[in-house]
C-alpha atoms as a PDB file:
ATOM      1  CA  UNK A   1       0.018  -0.015   0.046  1.00  0.00           C
ATOM      2  CA  UNK A   2       1.218   3.449  -0.809  1.00  0.00           C
ATOM      3  CA  UNK A   3       2.017   5.757   2.142  1.00  0.00           C
ATOM      4  CA  UNK A   4      -0.988   7.620   3.592  1.00  0.00           C
ATOM      5  CA  UNK A   5      -0.534  10.964   5.448  1.00  0.00           C
ATOM      6  CA  UNK A   6      -3.435  12.163   7.724  1.00  0.00           C
ATOM      7  CA  UNK A   7      -2.942  15.818   8.535  1.00  0.00           C
ATOM      8  CA  UNK A   8      -6.319  15.925  10.323  1.00  0.00           C
ATOM      9  CA  UNK A   9      -5.542  13.077  12.858  1.00  0.00           C
ATOM     10  CA  UNK A  10      -6.674  15.315  15.836  1.00  0.00           C
ATOM     11  CA  UNK A  11     -10.224  15.342  14.373  1.00  0.00           C
ATOM     12  CA  UNK A  12     -10.473  12.336  12.075  1.00  0.00           C
ATOM     13  CA  UNK A  13      -9.100   8.891  11.793  1.00  0.00           C
ATOM     14  CA  UNK A  14      -8.850   7.567   8.288  1.00  0.00           C
ATOM     15  CA  UNK A  15      -9.558   3.896   7.603  1.00  0.00           C
ATOM     16  CA  UNK A  16      -7.712   3.274   4.260  1.00  0.00           C
ATOM     17  CA  UNK A  17      -8.712   0.230   2.079  1.00  0.00           C
ATOM     18  CA  UNK A  18      -7.230  -1.151  -1.212  1.00  0.00           C
ATOM     19  CA  UNK A  19      -8.633  -3.904  -3.440  1.00  0.00           C
ATOM     20  CA  UNK A  20      -6.787  -5.165  -6.500  1.00  0.00           C
ATOM     21  CA  UNK A  21      -7.997  -6.880  -9.614  1.00  0.00           C
ATOM     22  CA  UNK A  22     -11.562  -6.332  -8.616  1.00  0.00           C
ATOM     23  CA  UNK A  23     -14.265  -8.060 -10.733  1.00  0.00           C
ATOM     24  CA  UNK A  24     -16.486  -4.971 -10.908  1.00  0.00           C
ATOM     25  CA  UNK A  25     -19.133  -6.486 -13.230  1.00  0.00           C
ATOM     26  CA  UNK A  26     -19.458  -9.736 -11.084  1.00  0.00           C
ATOM     27  CA  UNK A  27     -23.114 -10.761 -10.275  1.00  0.00           C
ATOM     28  CA  UNK A  28     -22.652 -10.197  -6.587  1.00  0.00           C
ATOM     29  CA  UNK A  29     -25.039 -11.129  -3.896  1.00  0.00           C
ATOM     30  CA  UNK A  30     -24.555 -10.012  -0.289  1.00  0.00           C
ATOM     31  CA  UNK A  31     -24.087 -12.924   1.917  1.00  0.00           C
ATOM     32  CA  UNK A  32     -26.704 -13.768   4.606  1.00  0.00           C
ATOM     33  CA  UNK A  33     -29.195 -11.373   3.187  1.00  0.00           C
ATOM     34  CA  UNK A  34     -27.267  -8.564   4.732  1.00  0.00           C
ATOM     35  CA  UNK A  35     -28.341  -5.856   2.440  1.00  0.00           C
ATOM     36  CA  UNK A  36     -32.044  -6.868   2.525  1.00  0.00           C
ATOM     37  CA  UNK A  37     -31.966  -6.918   6.313  1.00  0.00           C
ATOM     38  CA  UNK A  38     -30.118  -3.635   6.478  1.00  0.00           C
ATOM     39  CA  UNK A  39     -32.533  -1.814   4.217  1.00  0.00           C
ATOM     40  CA  UNK A  40     -35.407  -3.060   6.442  1.00  0.00           C
ATOM     41  CA  UNK A  41     -33.673  -1.881   9.604  1.00  0.00           C
ATOM     42  CA  UNK A  42     -32.864   1.593   8.125  1.00  0.00           C
ATOM     43  CA  UNK A  43     -36.545   2.216   7.673  1.00  0.00           C
ATOM     44  CA  UNK A  44     -36.714   2.526  11.531  1.00  0.00           C
ATOM     45  CA  UNK A  45     -35.481   5.374  13.524  1.00  0.00           C
ATOM     46  CA  UNK A  46     -31.824   5.326  14.510  1.00  0.00           C
ATOM     47  CA  UNK A  47     -30.916   4.142  17.918  1.00  0.00           C
ATOM     48  CA  UNK A  48     -29.377   6.526  20.406  1.00  0.00           C
ATOM     49  CA  UNK A  49     -25.812   5.244  19.715  1.00  0.00           C
ATOM     50  CA  UNK A  50     -26.367   5.469  15.942  1.00  0.00           C
ATOM     51  CA  UNK A  51     -27.629   8.917  16.041  1.00  0.00           C
ATOM     52  CA  UNK A  52     -24.831  10.050  18.285  1.00  0.00           C
ATOM     53  CA  UNK A  53     -22.345   8.622  15.772  1.00  0.00           C
ATOM     54  CA  UNK A  54     -24.103  10.403  12.823  1.00  0.00           C
ATOM     55  CA  UNK A  55     -23.754  13.692  14.772  1.00  0.00           C
ATOM     56  CA  UNK A  56     -20.154  12.977  15.600  1.00  0.00           C
ATOM     57  CA  UNK A  57     -19.444  12.487  11.801  1.00  0.00           C
ATOM     58  CA  UNK A  58     -20.887  15.837  11.093  1.00  0.00           C
ATOM     59  CA  UNK A  59     -18.933  17.501  13.942  1.00  0.00           C
ATOM     60  CA  UNK A  60     -15.549  16.067  12.735  1.00  0.00           C
ATOM     61  CA  UNK A  61     -16.051  18.087   9.493  1.00  0.00           C
ATOM     62  CA  UNK A  62     -16.567  21.372  11.286  1.00  0.00           C
ATOM     63  CA  UNK A  63     -13.199  22.870  10.282  1.00  0.00           C
ATOM     64  CA  UNK A  64     -12.790  26.601   9.639  1.00  0.00           C
ATOM     65  CA  UNK A  65     -15.660  28.013   7.673  1.00  0.00           C
ATOM     66  CA  UNK A  66     -17.043  24.554   6.663  1.00  0.00           C
ATOM     67  CA  UNK A  67     -20.562  23.637   7.793  1.00  0.00           C
ATOM     68  CA  UNK A  68     -21.682  20.041   7.228  1.00  0.00           C
ATOM     69  CA  UNK A  69     -25.305  20.860   6.672  1.00  0.00           C
ATOM     70  CA  UNK A  70     -27.714  20.847   3.626  1.00  0.00           C
ATOM     71  CA  UNK A  71     -25.710  19.973   0.555  1.00  0.00           C
ATOM     72  CA  UNK A  72     -22.657  19.889   2.590  1.00  0.00           C
ATOM     73  CA  UNK A  73     -23.501  17.045   4.926  1.00  0.00           C
ATOM     74  CA  UNK A  74     -21.787  13.663   4.850  1.00  0.00           C
ATOM     75  CA  UNK A  75     -22.607  11.371   1.958  1.00  0.00           C
ATOM     76  CA  UNK A  76     -23.655   8.702   4.480  1.00  0.00           C
ATOM     77  CA  UNK A  77     -26.696  10.796   5.301  1.00  0.00           C
ATOM     78  CA  UNK A  78     -27.823  10.805   1.638  1.00  0.00           C
ATOM     79  CA  UNK A  79     -27.560   6.970   1.622  1.00  0.00           C
ATOM     80  CA  UNK A  80     -29.717   6.817   4.816  1.00  0.00           C
ATOM     81  CA  UNK A  81     -32.350   8.895   3.183  1.00  0.00           C
ATOM     82  CA  UNK A  82     -32.336   6.864   0.065  1.00  0.00           C
ATOM     83  CA  UNK A  83     -32.790   3.664   2.126  1.00  0.00           C
ATOM     84  CA  UNK A  84     -35.739   5.052   4.019  1.00  0.00           C
ATOM     85  CA  UNK A  85     -37.312   6.034   0.591  1.00  0.00           C
ATOM     86  CA  UNK A  86     -36.745   2.544  -1.018  1.00  0.00           C
ATOM     87  CA  UNK A  87     -34.317   4.174  -3.465  1.00  0.00           C
ATOM     88  CA  UNK A  88     -30.884   2.688  -2.469  1.00  0.00           C
ATOM     89  CA  UNK A  89     -28.622   2.859  -5.392  1.00  0.00           C
ATOM     90  CA  UNK A  90     -27.107  -0.246  -7.109  1.00  0.00           C
ATOM     91  CA  UNK A  91     -24.181   0.623  -9.363  1.00  0.00           C
ATOM     92  CA  UNK A  92     -21.449  -1.990  -9.535  1.00  0.00           C
ATOM     93  CA  UNK A  93     -19.815  -4.438  -7.157  1.00  0.00           C
ATOM     94  CA  UNK A  94     -17.272  -1.997  -5.675  1.00  0.00           C
ATOM     95  CA  UNK A  95     -19.850   0.892  -5.311  1.00  0.00           C
ATOM     96  CA  UNK A  96     -22.559  -1.360  -3.994  1.00  0.00           C
ATOM     97  CA  UNK A  97     -20.236  -2.842  -1.309  1.00  0.00           C
ATOM     98  CA  UNK A  98     -18.904   0.765  -0.432  1.00  0.00           C
ATOM     99  CA  UNK A  99     -22.554   2.030  -0.116  1.00  0.00           C
ATOM    100  CA  UNK A 100     -23.570  -0.991   1.979  1.00  0.00           C
ATOM    101  CA  UNK A 101     -20.632  -0.376   4.445  1.00  0.00           C
ATOM    102  CA  UNK A 102     -21.460   3.267   4.701  1.00  0.00           C
ATOM    103  CA  UNK A 103     -25.150   2.654   5.330  1.00  0.00           C
ATOM    104  CA  UNK A 104     -24.558  -0.191   7.870  1.00  0.00           C
ATOM    105  CA  UNK A 105     -22.140   1.782   9.896  1.00  0.00           C
ATOM    106  CA  UNK A 106     -23.384   5.316   9.220  1.00  0.00           C
ATOM    107  CA  UNK A 107     -19.777   6.463   8.323  1.00  0.00           C
ATOM    108  CA  UNK A 108     -19.015   8.571   5.161  1.00  0.00           C
ATOM    109  CA  UNK A 109     -16.670   6.711   2.835  1.00  0.00           C
ATOM    110  CA  UNK A 110     -14.963   7.698  -0.425  1.00  0.00           C
ATOM    111  CA  UNK A 111     -14.254   5.276  -3.215  1.00  0.00           C
ATOM    112  CA  UNK A 112     -12.116   5.795  -6.266  1.00  0.00           C
ATOM    113  CA  UNK A 113     -10.379   4.147  -9.251  1.00  0.00           C
ATOM    114  CA  UNK A 114      -6.735   4.269  -8.437  1.00  0.00           C
ATOM    115  CA  UNK A 115      -5.562   3.771 -11.950  1.00  0.00           C
ATOM    116  CA  UNK A 116      -7.078   7.031 -13.238  1.00  0.00           C
ATOM    117  CA  UNK A 117      -4.730   9.298 -11.245  1.00  0.00           C
ATOM    118  CA  UNK A 118      -1.559   7.625 -10.436  1.00  0.00           C
ATOM    119  CA  UNK A 119      -0.229   8.282  -6.916  1.00  0.00           C
ATOM    120  CA  UNK A 120       3.115   7.710  -5.064  1.00  0.00           C
ATOM    121  CA  UNK A 121       1.131   8.422  -1.776  1.00  0.00           C
ATOM    122  CA  UNK A 122      -2.046   9.875  -0.461  1.00  0.00           C
ATOM    123  CA  UNK A 123      -2.566  12.766   1.848  1.00  0.00           C
ATOM    124  CA  UNK A 124      -5.746  14.028   3.633  1.00  0.00           C
ATOM    125  CA  UNK A 125      -6.062  17.713   4.736  1.00  0.00           C
ATOM    126  CA  UNK A 126      -8.542  20.603   4.644  1.00  0.00           C
ATOM    127  CA  UNK A 127      -8.874  22.000   1.139  1.00  0.00           C
ATOM    128  CA  UNK A 128      -7.684  25.572   0.280  1.00  0.00           C
ATOM    129  CA  UNK A 129      -9.840  28.539  -0.966  1.00  0.00           C
ATOM    130  CA  UNK A 130      -8.602  27.944  -4.600  1.00  0.00           C
ATOM    131  CA  UNK A 131      -9.141  24.184  -4.735  1.00  0.00           C
ATOM    132  CA  UNK A 132     -12.128  22.472  -6.228  1.00  0.00           C
ATOM    133  CA  UNK A 133     -13.056  19.552  -8.497  1.00  0.00           C
ATOM    134  CA  UNK A 134     -15.762  18.433 -10.885  1.00  0.00           C
ATOM    135  CA  UNK A 135     -18.030  15.777  -9.165  1.00  0.00           C
ATOM    136  CA  UNK A 136     -20.616  14.763 -11.755  1.00  0.00           C
ATOM    137  CA  UNK A 137     -20.867  14.248 -15.602  1.00  0.00           C
ATOM    138  CA  UNK A 138     -22.508  17.629 -16.213  1.00  0.00           C
ATOM    139  CA  UNK A 139     -19.358  19.441 -14.869  1.00  0.00           C
ATOM    140  CA  UNK A 140     -20.584  20.816 -11.620  1.00  0.00           C
ATOM    141  CA  UNK A 141     -17.807  21.597  -9.188  1.00  0.00           C
ATOM    142  CA  UNK A 142     -17.496  21.584  -5.376  1.00  0.00           C
ATOM    143  CA  UNK A 143     -15.344  24.089  -3.472  1.00  0.00           C
ATOM    144  CA  UNK A 144     -12.931  22.413  -1.194  1.00  0.00           C
ATOM    145  CA  UNK A 145     -12.283  25.296   1.144  1.00  0.00           C
ATOM    146  CA  UNK A 146     -11.937  23.967   4.707  1.00  0.00           C
ATOM    147  CA  UNK A 147     -13.471  20.616   3.469  1.00  0.00           C
ATOM    148  CA  UNK A 148     -11.771  17.315   4.481  1.00  0.00           C
ATOM    149  CA  UNK A 149     -10.096  16.264   1.171  1.00  0.00           C
ATOM    150  CA  UNK A 150      -8.037  13.356   0.058  1.00  0.00           C
ATOM    151  CA  UNK A 151      -5.280  14.068  -2.526  1.00  0.00           C
ATOM    152  CA  UNK A 152      -3.277  11.820  -4.863  1.00  0.00           C
ATOM    153  CA  UNK A 153       0.369  12.798  -4.581  1.00  0.00           C
ATOM    154  CA  UNK A 154       2.661  12.248  -7.458  1.00  0.00           C
ATOM    155  CA  UNK A 155       6.163  13.936  -7.794  1.00  0.00           C
ATOM    156  CA  UNK A 156       5.203  16.397  -5.025  1.00  0.00           C
ATOM    157  CA  UNK A 157       2.054  17.612  -6.869  1.00  0.00           C
ATOM    158  CA  UNK A 158      -1.367  17.023  -5.100  1.00  0.00           C
ATOM    159  CA  UNK A 159      -4.550  16.289  -7.074  1.00  0.00           C
ATOM    160  CA  UNK A 160      -7.743  16.545  -5.073  1.00  0.00           C
ATOM    161  CA  UNK A 161      -9.886  13.433  -5.502  1.00  0.00           C
ATOM    162  CA  UNK A 162     -12.279  12.709  -2.650  1.00  0.00           C
ATOM    163  CA  UNK A 163     -14.203  14.177   0.303  1.00  0.00           C
ATOM    164  CA  UNK A 164     -16.698  12.857   2.827  1.00  0.00           C
ATOM    165  CA  UNK A 165     -19.418  14.699   0.848  1.00  0.00           C
ATOM    166  CA  UNK A 166     -18.612  14.091  -2.845  1.00  0.00           C
ATOM    167  CA  UNK A 167     -15.906  12.485  -4.858  1.00  0.00           C
ATOM    168  CA  UNK A 168     -14.279  13.558  -8.140  1.00  0.00           C
ATOM    169  CA  UNK A 169     -15.942  12.550 -11.368  1.00  0.00           C
ATOM    170  CA  UNK A 170     -12.524  11.720 -12.814  1.00  0.00           C
ATOM    171  CA  UNK A 171     -11.842   8.734 -10.580  1.00  0.00           C
ATOM    172  CA  UNK A 172     -15.295   7.262 -10.123  1.00  0.00           C
ATOM    173  CA  UNK A 173     -15.527   3.525 -10.749  1.00  0.00           C
ATOM    174  CA  UNK A 174     -16.866   2.170 -14.050  1.00  0.00           C
ATOM    175  CA  UNK A 175     -16.733  -0.979 -16.140  1.00  0.00           C
ATOM    176  CA  UNK A 176     -12.897  -0.663 -16.799  1.00  0.00           C
ATOM    177  CA  UNK A 177     -12.101  -0.309 -13.047  1.00  0.00           C
ATOM    178  CA  UNK A 178      -9.617  -2.931 -11.716  1.00  0.00           C
ATOM    179  CA  UNK A 179      -7.892  -1.424  -8.741  1.00  0.00           C
ATOM    180  CA  UNK A 180      -9.722   0.714  -6.128  1.00  0.00           C
ATOM    181  CA  UNK A 181      -9.022   2.526  -2.855  1.00  0.00           C
ATOM    182  CA  UNK A 182     -11.595   3.719  -0.243  1.00  0.00           C
ATOM    183  CA  UNK A 183     -11.223   6.049   2.772  1.00  0.00           C
ATOM    184  CA  UNK A 184     -13.539   5.701   5.810  1.00  0.00           C
ATOM    185  CA  UNK A 185     -13.734   8.962   7.664  1.00  0.00           C
ATOM    186  CA  UNK A 186     -14.064   8.303  11.540  1.00  0.00           C
ATOM    187  CA  UNK A 187     -14.294  10.790  14.350  1.00  0.00           C
ATOM    188  CA  UNK A 188     -11.068  10.778  16.248  1.00  0.00           C
ATOM    189  CA  UNK A 189     -11.713  10.073  19.933  1.00  0.00           C
ATOM    190  CA  UNK A 190     -14.988   8.231  19.372  1.00  0.00           C
ATOM    191  CA  UNK A 191     -15.139   5.266  21.690  1.00  0.00           C
ATOM    192  CA  UNK A 192     -18.785   4.044  21.403  1.00  0.00           C
ATOM    193  CA  UNK A 193     -20.553   2.098  18.564  1.00  0.00           C
ATOM    194  CA  UNK A 194     -19.043   1.565  16.034  1.00  0.00           C
ATOM    195  CA  UNK A 195     -15.299   0.714  16.009  1.00  0.00           C
ATOM    196  CA  UNK A 196     -13.360   1.607  12.951  1.00  0.00           C
ATOM    197  CA  UNK A 197     -11.570  -1.762  13.171  1.00  0.00           C
ATOM    198  CA  UNK A 198     -14.960  -3.473  12.786  1.00  0.00           C
ATOM    199  CA  UNK A 199     -15.966  -1.379   9.736  1.00  0.00           C
ATOM    200  CA  UNK A 200     -12.671  -2.287   8.000  1.00  0.00           C
ATOM    201  CA  UNK A 201     -13.048  -5.887   8.822  1.00  0.00           C
ATOM    202  CA  UNK A 202     -16.460  -6.183   7.148  1.00  0.00           C
ATOM    203  CA  UNK A 203     -15.312  -3.915   4.280  1.00  0.00           C
ATOM    204  CA  UNK A 204     -12.342  -6.181   3.391  1.00  0.00           C
ATOM    205  CA  UNK A 205     -14.427  -9.257   3.920  1.00  0.00           C
ATOM    206  CA  UNK A 206     -16.920  -8.223   1.248  1.00  0.00           C
ATOM    207  CA  UNK A 207     -14.294  -6.866  -1.174  1.00  0.00           C
ATOM    208  CA  UNK A 208     -12.421 -10.101  -0.851  1.00  0.00           C
ATOM    209  CA  UNK A 209     -15.406 -11.913  -2.566  1.00  0.00           C
ATOM    210  CA  UNK A 210     -14.821  -9.768  -5.738  1.00  0.00           C
ATOM    211  CA  UNK A 211     -11.105  -9.023  -5.518  1.00  0.00           C
ATOM    212  CA  UNK A 212      -7.855 -11.137  -5.658  1.00  0.00           C
ATOM    213  CA  UNK A 213      -6.121  -9.074  -2.912  1.00  0.00           C
ATOM    214  CA  UNK A 214      -7.179  -6.559  -0.274  1.00  0.00           C
ATOM    215  CA  UNK A 215      -5.414  -4.626   2.400  1.00  0.00           C
ATOM    216  CA  UNK A 216      -6.312  -2.026   4.885  1.00  0.00           C
ATOM    217  CA  UNK A 217      -4.848   0.308   7.583  1.00  0.00           C
ATOM    218  CA  UNK A 218      -5.829   3.083  10.015  1.00  0.00           C
ATOM    219  CA  UNK A 219      -4.134   6.462   9.746  1.00  0.00           C
END
């Protein structure tokens, strides 16, 4: 795994996952009816622990001028809403596993195709006022000012790719994707449900069913 630098470790822990030679078009079914059971469970109100963690995920993003509300809230909250409205997305094996993990554990997660922007290492820091990226096919951009952002680093140049809110269109997974990375954003100092180690364990378990090799670490 390439080196990962977390310059926000006083606020956020980064669970980093890599999967290689992924079979993105595989006809994949979640074991033990996990997804179906989860979608039924998410139609019910969150437990006290779950809602506390949801709020902690918002709070970890309150850096500088950034406010994690409205369109700026964590992507995991959009998935929660889609599940309650029977509109949970199904995209491809990698994205489906990513979205399941995010919904199950209520943590924002970024997923990207690592072959689209080569990197010697990865770094996570607040975005600067002049930084942005395109996040959808129509060319809309998101300002990264004070937003938690993951960058691909190559020859000392940083390319912004992912955030807990939206990810860069350039590196989204598709039919040609073979190698992926994911970043789980987790509040530093959180000691209740869930544990970041448990999230990574289930994430790598499921990716291992469609990938020849997986690895993970916490930064």
